[in-house]
Amino acid sequence: MDLVLNVADHYFFTPYVYPASWAEDGALRQILSLLVVTNLGAVVLYLGLGALSYYFIFDHNLMKHPHFLENQVRREIKYALTSLPWISIPTVALFFAEVRGYSKVYDNVHDSPLGWTGLFLSMISFLLFTDMCIYWIHRFLHHKLIYKLFHKPHHVWKIPTPFASHAFHPVDGFMQGLPYHIYPFLFPLHKVLYLVLYVFVNIWTISIHDGDYRVPSAMTGLINGSAHHTDHHLFFDYNYGQYFTLWDRLGGSYRHPSALMGKGPHDLIRRLRAEGKLDSGKVNGQSGISRKEE
């Protein structure tokens, strides 16, 4: 994160915002700057990537599904934009510790004991480590004593759009993002790779909510895609994983995607339309349920 902070200082904060008496390495200035950069970056990634996915990947026919809520897209965006600033507060604390030199991030590939091989291995270990942690955190959030407090708001979206990707309760959002931030405090990680992985995480989070259920047949049992995650939203106790199905299989919570068995949301929409229970346009809000079925 110090790379982003240095760029922001050079092109914006130093010439236009802070007085000359505020040193760039001052703790208060760094905290304030990180709050601005983190919030702005989160919103740009969320709205930018979410909009691209919504307009170019998301199948808008899903908005006719009976479980699609009235004004759902607007509600998803509003909930996410309300939560992100709160999520950023503890996140900035971790970024601040990283900027102050308490993490294991490094500048040059040669600083890694294994060089380029170490860089590649750190990418793989980052994915495996965070996938494992998120599985157990996610499963913990489904505990009956915790679920209603923090995770239930995300499950309002039974047929999610890309904008549901960040529509979490602040505690839920921070807890599920925590593994990404603690990894560089436990294991060496190149600074540029850290930023690349941070963007990738946001892309992946959006992708598993984008309603594109196509998965290469050879990868269906390995990769936790949108089809898998949609079943998590629909059936609750399955497919907690982030990238892979490994921990769902080990934890007994794996469910083969219903969309890949001809029993998914699109199949229900086609059946309802064939039965004359759906109108062609937006009726009854965004659900597409015809008036005669109310």
Foldseek 3Di string as FASTA:
>chain_A
DVVVLVVCCVPPCVPDNDDPVDDSPDLVNLLVSQLVCQLVVVVCLLVVLLVCLQVPPFDLLLLQAQLNDFVNLVVLLVLLNVQRSLLSNVVSVLVSCVNVPLFQADAAQVVDPVRPVSQVVLVVVLQVQLQVQQLVLLLVCLPPVRVVPWPVQLLSCLLAALSSLRNTHSVSNNSSCVSLRCSRNPDYHYPVVSVVVVSVLSNQSSQLNHNRPDDPPVCQQFFCGVLQVSCCSNVVQADSGRTTCVVRVVVVRHDRRCVVVCRDSVNVSVVCVVVVQFDPAQDPRRNRGDPVVD
